[in-house]
Amino acid sequence: LVITITATQGDLTFGDTKEGTMGIRTRPELRLVNDPNQGVTSANGHAINSEGVTGPAIWGKKASWVDYWGEVDGETVGVAIFDHPDNPRHPTTWHAREYGLIAANPFGLQYFEGKPEGTGDMTVPAGESMTFAYRFFFHEGDTETAGVARRYAEYTHENW
């Protein structure tokens, strides 16, 4: 996905928030923990980022990609999100949670890094544009067998 945002009515400011930018919520099976109160009893997921951080610890960490995978209907499958190296503040920080939310977020510096409020604000000046590019890679197998790192490397060489 390539998204270009143009500030046509004056300066446009993206606020410093942890709530993510480009994301997906996984199937219950790919979640990292069960939550019977939400009807989730089939979680068997795993998560890793491009820096080798695993599980819930990937929340708020900078990485080029994040991958979640687990068993669904007897097959190991997963989804990774790639942050293109030309994106603002690459590598992005991730609002990636144990309940299956995976979201690239270059704005939440106050929350992810404990910086002063507003540090993560990003402004597109009037009449200018800002472009973001992400790829969702749905795959069979775990991170290694699906070749997530290799597929990310291929993605970084594509023009958009």
C-alpha atoms as a PDB file:
ATOM      1  CA  LEU A   1       0.000   0.000   0.000  1.00  0.00           C
ATOM      2  CA  VAL A   2       1.331   3.402  -0.942  1.00  0.00           C
ATOM      3  CA  ILE A   3      -0.463   6.357   0.588  1.00  0.00           C
ATOM      4  CA  THR A   4       0.304   9.975  -0.257  1.00  0.00           C
ATOM      5  CA  ILE A   5      -1.251  12.650   1.908  1.00  0.00           C
ATOM      6  CA  THR A   6      -1.281  16.249   0.676  1.00  0.00           C
ATOM      7  CA  ALA A   7      -1.957  19.213   2.949  1.00  0.00           C
ATOM      8  CA  THR A   8      -4.402  21.113   0.754  1.00  0.00           C
ATOM      9  CA  GLN A   9      -6.030  23.291   3.437  1.00  0.00           C
ATOM     10  CA  GLY A  10      -3.037  24.510   5.437  1.00  0.00           C
ATOM     11  CA  ASP A  11      -0.536  22.620   7.569  1.00  0.00           C
ATOM     12  CA  LEU A  12      -1.585  19.085   8.496  1.00  0.00           C
ATOM     13  CA  THR A  13      -0.312  17.634  11.776  1.00  0.00           C
ATOM     14  CA  PHE A  14      -0.410  13.983  12.739  1.00  0.00           C
ATOM     15  CA  GLY A  15      -0.563  13.890  16.529  1.00  0.00           C
ATOM     16  CA  ASP A  16       1.638  11.892  18.868  1.00  0.00           C
ATOM     17  CA  THR A  17      -0.506   8.804  19.580  1.00  0.00           C
ATOM     18  CA  LYS A  18       0.156   5.138  20.305  1.00  0.00           C
ATOM     19  CA  GLU A  19      -2.923   4.022  18.400  1.00  0.00           C
ATOM     20  CA  GLY A  20      -1.144   3.080  15.227  1.00  0.00           C
ATOM     21  CA  THR A  21      -1.221   4.020  11.594  1.00  0.00           C
ATOM     22  CA  MET A  22      -1.184   1.062   9.199  1.00  0.00           C
ATOM     23  CA  GLY A  23      -2.372  -2.090  10.862  1.00  0.00           C
ATOM     24  CA  ILE A  24      -4.338  -5.289  10.944  1.00  0.00           C
ATOM     25  CA  ARG A  25      -5.983  -7.381  13.616  1.00  0.00           C
ATOM     26  CA  THR A  26      -5.253 -11.089  13.331  1.00  0.00           C
ATOM     27  CA  ARG A  27      -7.460 -14.118  13.618  1.00  0.00           C
ATOM     28  CA  PRO A  28      -7.827 -15.340  17.231  1.00  0.00           C
ATOM     29  CA  GLU A  29      -5.457 -18.248  16.557  1.00  0.00           C
ATOM     30  CA  LEU A  30      -2.603 -15.846  15.768  1.00  0.00           C
ATOM     31  CA  ARG A  31      -2.984 -13.955  19.022  1.00  0.00           C
ATOM     32  CA  LEU A  32      -0.264 -14.497  21.597  1.00  0.00           C
ATOM     33  CA  VAL A  33      -2.600 -15.150  24.549  1.00  0.00           C
ATOM     34  CA  ASN A  34      -6.077 -16.476  25.140  1.00  0.00           C
ATOM     35  CA  ASP A  35      -8.775 -14.232  26.564  1.00  0.00           C
ATOM     36  CA  PRO A  36     -11.817 -16.316  27.518  1.00  0.00           C
ATOM     37  CA  ASN A  37     -13.658 -13.102  28.515  1.00  0.00           C
ATOM     38  CA  GLN A  38     -13.502 -12.105  24.818  1.00  0.00           C
ATOM     39  CA  GLY A  39     -14.280 -15.628  23.597  1.00  0.00           C
ATOM     40  CA  VAL A  40     -10.669 -16.321  22.542  1.00  0.00           C
ATOM     41  CA  THR A  41      -9.560 -19.814  23.548  1.00  0.00           C
ATOM     42  CA  SER A  42      -7.602 -20.886  20.446  1.00  0.00           C
ATOM     43  CA  ALA A  43      -4.602 -18.512  20.616  1.00  0.00           C
ATOM     44  CA  ASN A  44      -1.339 -20.210  19.682  1.00  0.00           C
ATOM     45  CA  GLY A  45       0.446 -17.331  17.982  1.00  0.00           C
ATOM     46  CA  HIS A  46       4.029 -16.188  17.934  1.00  0.00           C
ATOM     47  CA  ALA A  47       5.503 -12.809  17.066  1.00  0.00           C
ATOM     48  CA  ILE A  48       8.933 -11.553  16.059  1.00  0.00           C
ATOM     49  CA  ASN A  49      10.318  -8.358  14.609  1.00  0.00           C
ATOM     50  CA  SER A  50      13.229  -7.711  12.259  1.00  0.00           C
ATOM     51  CA  GLU A  51      15.510  -7.085  15.246  1.00  0.00           C
ATOM     52  CA  GLY A  52      14.836 -10.506  16.780  1.00  0.00           C
ATOM     53  CA  VAL A  53      12.595  -9.247  19.594  1.00  0.00           C
ATOM     54  CA  THR A  54       9.793 -11.740  20.267  1.00  0.00           C
ATOM     55  CA  GLY A  55       6.380 -11.925  21.866  1.00  0.00           C
ATOM     56  CA  PRO A  56       4.734  -8.997  23.648  1.00  0.00           C
ATOM     57  CA  ALA A  57       8.137  -7.289  23.974  1.00  0.00           C
ATOM     58  CA  ILE A  58       7.865  -6.088  20.357  1.00  0.00           C
ATOM     59  CA  TRP A  59       5.386  -3.395  21.474  1.00  0.00           C
ATOM     60  CA  GLY A  60       6.915   0.061  21.083  1.00  0.00           C
ATOM     61  CA  LYS A  61      10.133  -1.217  19.507  1.00  0.00           C
ATOM     62  CA  LYS A  62      11.596   0.088  16.247  1.00  0.00           C
ATOM     63  CA  ALA A  63      11.835  -2.494  13.480  1.00  0.00           C
ATOM     64  CA  SER A  64      11.594  -2.785   9.715  1.00  0.00           C
ATOM     65  CA  TRP A  65       8.940  -5.494   9.945  1.00  0.00           C
ATOM     66  CA  VAL A  66       6.810  -7.501  12.368  1.00  0.00           C
ATOM     67  CA  ASP A  67       5.517 -11.031  11.786  1.00  0.00           C
ATOM     68  CA  TYR A  68       2.773 -12.965  13.610  1.00  0.00           C
ATOM     69  CA  TRP A  69       2.176 -16.647  12.884  1.00  0.00           C
ATOM     70  CA  GLY A  70       0.477 -19.698  14.335  1.00  0.00           C
ATOM     71  CA  GLU A  71      -1.652 -22.703  13.486  1.00  0.00           C
ATOM     72  CA  VAL A  72      -5.044 -22.180  11.833  1.00  0.00           C
ATOM     73  CA  ASP A  73      -7.103 -25.224  10.822  1.00  0.00           C
ATOM     74  CA  GLY A  74      -4.062 -27.489  11.056  1.00  0.00           C
ATOM     75  CA  GLU A  75      -1.808 -25.260   8.910  1.00  0.00           C
ATOM     76  CA  THR A  76       0.903 -22.850  10.047  1.00  0.00           C
ATOM     77  CA  VAL A  77       0.194 -19.424   8.558  1.00  0.00           C
ATOM     78  CA  GLY A  78       1.093 -15.839   9.303  1.00  0.00           C
ATOM     79  CA  VAL A  79       1.041 -12.199   8.386  1.00  0.00           C
ATOM     80  CA  ALA A  80       3.911  -9.733   8.372  1.00  0.00           C
ATOM     81  CA  ILE A  81       3.806  -5.983   7.860  1.00  0.00           C
ATOM     82  CA  PHE A  82       6.762  -4.337   6.136  1.00  0.00           C
ATOM     83  CA  ASP A  83       7.726  -0.697   6.732  1.00  0.00           C
ATOM     84  CA  HIS A  84       9.398   0.706   3.607  1.00  0.00           C
ATOM     85  CA  PRO A  85      12.832   2.292   4.242  1.00  0.00           C
ATOM     86  CA  ASP A  86      11.731   5.505   2.498  1.00  0.00           C
ATOM     87  CA  ASN A  87       8.979   6.079   5.066  1.00  0.00           C
ATOM     88  CA  PRO A  88       9.297   8.934   7.536  1.00  0.00           C
ATOM     89  CA  ARG A  89      11.027   7.800  10.755  1.00  0.00           C
ATOM     90  CA  HIS A  90      12.003   4.398   9.362  1.00  0.00           C
ATOM     91  CA  PRO A  91      12.366   1.996  11.026  1.00  0.00           C
ATOM     92  CA  THR A  92       8.981   2.631  12.533  1.00  0.00           C
ATOM     93  CA  THR A  93       7.824   1.847  16.043  1.00  0.00           C
ATOM     94  CA  TRP A  94       5.142  -0.815  16.415  1.00  0.00           C
ATOM     95  CA  HIS A  95       1.865  -0.834  18.293  1.00  0.00           C
ATOM     96  CA  ALA A  96       1.842  -4.635  18.267  1.00  0.00           C
ATOM     97  CA  ARG A  97      -0.113  -6.366  20.996  1.00  0.00           C
ATOM     98  CA  GLU A  98      -0.624  -9.849  22.378  1.00  0.00           C
ATOM     99  CA  TYR A  99      -4.321  -9.654  21.405  1.00  0.00           C
ATOM    100  CA  GLY A 100      -3.421  -9.701  17.706  1.00  0.00           C
ATOM    101  CA  LEU A 101      -3.168  -6.032  16.785  1.00  0.00           C
ATOM    102  CA  ILE A 102      -0.187  -5.232  14.552  1.00  0.00           C
ATOM    103  CA  ALA A 103       0.216  -1.558  13.597  1.00  0.00           C
ATOM    104  CA  ALA A 104       3.147   0.400  12.204  1.00  0.00           C
ATOM    105  CA  ASN A 105       3.246   3.744  13.991  1.00  0.00           C
ATOM    106  CA  PRO A 106       5.849   6.459  13.373  1.00  0.00           C
ATOM    107  CA  PHE A 107       3.955   8.956  15.563  1.00  0.00           C
ATOM    108  CA  GLY A 108       3.774   7.522  19.112  1.00  0.00           C
ATOM    109  CA  LEU A 109       7.156   8.582  20.446  1.00  0.00           C
ATOM    110  CA  GLN A 110       5.710   9.938  23.689  1.00  0.00           C
ATOM    111  CA  TYR A 111       4.297   6.499  24.466  1.00  0.00           C
ATOM    112  CA  PHE A 112       6.931   4.213  22.978  1.00  0.00           C
ATOM    113  CA  GLU A 113      10.055   6.082  24.028  1.00  0.00           C
ATOM    114  CA  GLY A 114       8.829   8.029  27.060  1.00  0.00           C
ATOM    115  CA  LYS A 115       9.580  11.345  25.378  1.00  0.00           C
ATOM    116  CA  PRO A 116       7.723  14.598  26.140  1.00  0.00           C
ATOM    117  CA  GLU A 117       4.145  14.955  24.901  1.00  0.00           C
ATOM    118  CA  GLY A 118       4.012  15.965  21.247  1.00  0.00           C
ATOM    119  CA  THR A 119       7.497  14.679  20.399  1.00  0.00           C
ATOM    120  CA  GLY A 120       5.954  12.280  17.874  1.00  0.00           C
ATOM    121  CA  ASP A 121       3.907  14.959  16.105  1.00  0.00           C
ATOM    122  CA  MET A 122       4.625  15.118  12.371  1.00  0.00           C
ATOM    123  CA  THR A 123       3.545  18.045  10.209  1.00  0.00           C
ATOM    124  CA  VAL A 124       2.981  18.164   6.465  1.00  0.00           C
ATOM    125  CA  PRO A 125       3.379  21.832   5.489  1.00  0.00           C
ATOM    126  CA  ALA A 126       0.622  23.459   3.454  1.00  0.00           C
ATOM    127  CA  GLY A 127       0.806  22.457  -0.199  1.00  0.00           C
ATOM    128  CA  GLU A 128       3.286  19.648   0.428  1.00  0.00           C
ATOM    129  CA  SER A 129       2.850  15.874   0.550  1.00  0.00           C
ATOM    130  CA  MET A 130       4.064  12.964   2.628  1.00  0.00           C
ATOM    131  CA  THR A 131       4.105   9.379   1.370  1.00  0.00           C
ATOM    132  CA  PHE A 132       3.986   6.162   3.365  1.00  0.00           C
ATOM    133  CA  ALA A 133       4.461   2.654   1.934  1.00  0.00           C
ATOM    134  CA  TYR A 134       3.695  -0.643   3.665  1.00  0.00           C
ATOM    135  CA  ARG A 135       3.275  -4.207   2.535  1.00  0.00           C
ATOM    136  CA  PHE A 136       1.184  -6.952   4.115  1.00  0.00           C
ATOM    137  CA  PHE A 137       2.769 -10.345   3.491  1.00  0.00           C
ATOM    138  CA  PHE A 138       0.365 -13.234   4.162  1.00  0.00           C
ATOM    139  CA  HIS A 139       2.319 -16.465   4.245  1.00  0.00           C
ATOM    140  CA  GLU A 140       2.403 -20.174   4.933  1.00  0.00           C
ATOM    141  CA  GLY A 141       4.780 -21.391   7.624  1.00  0.00           C
ATOM    142  CA  ASP A 142       6.608 -19.549  10.361  1.00  0.00           C
ATOM    143  CA  THR A 143       8.913 -16.563   9.869  1.00  0.00           C
ATOM    144  CA  GLU A 144      11.884 -18.667   8.790  1.00  0.00           C
ATOM    145  CA  THR A 145      10.142 -21.076   6.426  1.00  0.00           C
ATOM    146  CA  ALA A 146       8.186 -18.224   4.832  1.00  0.00           C
ATOM    147  CA  GLY A 147      11.405 -16.286   4.243  1.00  0.00           C
ATOM    148  CA  VAL A 148      10.037 -13.085   5.776  1.00  0.00           C
ATOM    149  CA  ALA A 149      13.461 -11.381   5.992  1.00  0.00           C
ATOM    150  CA  ARG A 150      14.224 -12.262   2.363  1.00  0.00           C
ATOM    151  CA  ARG A 151      10.819 -11.050   1.189  1.00  0.00           C
ATOM    152  CA  TYR A 152      11.358  -7.799   3.091  1.00  0.00           C
ATOM    153  CA  ALA A 153      14.747  -7.340   1.401  1.00  0.00           C
ATOM    154  CA  GLU A 154      13.092  -7.838  -1.991  1.00  0.00           C
ATOM    155  CA  TYR A 155      10.429  -5.275  -1.090  1.00  0.00           C
ATOM    156  CA  THR A 156      13.025  -2.649  -0.183  1.00  0.00           C
ATOM    157  CA  HIS A 157      14.366  -2.723  -3.735  1.00  0.00           C
ATOM    158  CA  GLU A 158      11.001  -2.053  -5.378  1.00  0.00           C
ATOM    159  CA  ASN A 159      10.106   1.388  -6.659  1.00  0.00           C
ATOM    160  CA  TRP A 160       6.780   2.885  -5.769  1.00  0.00           C
END
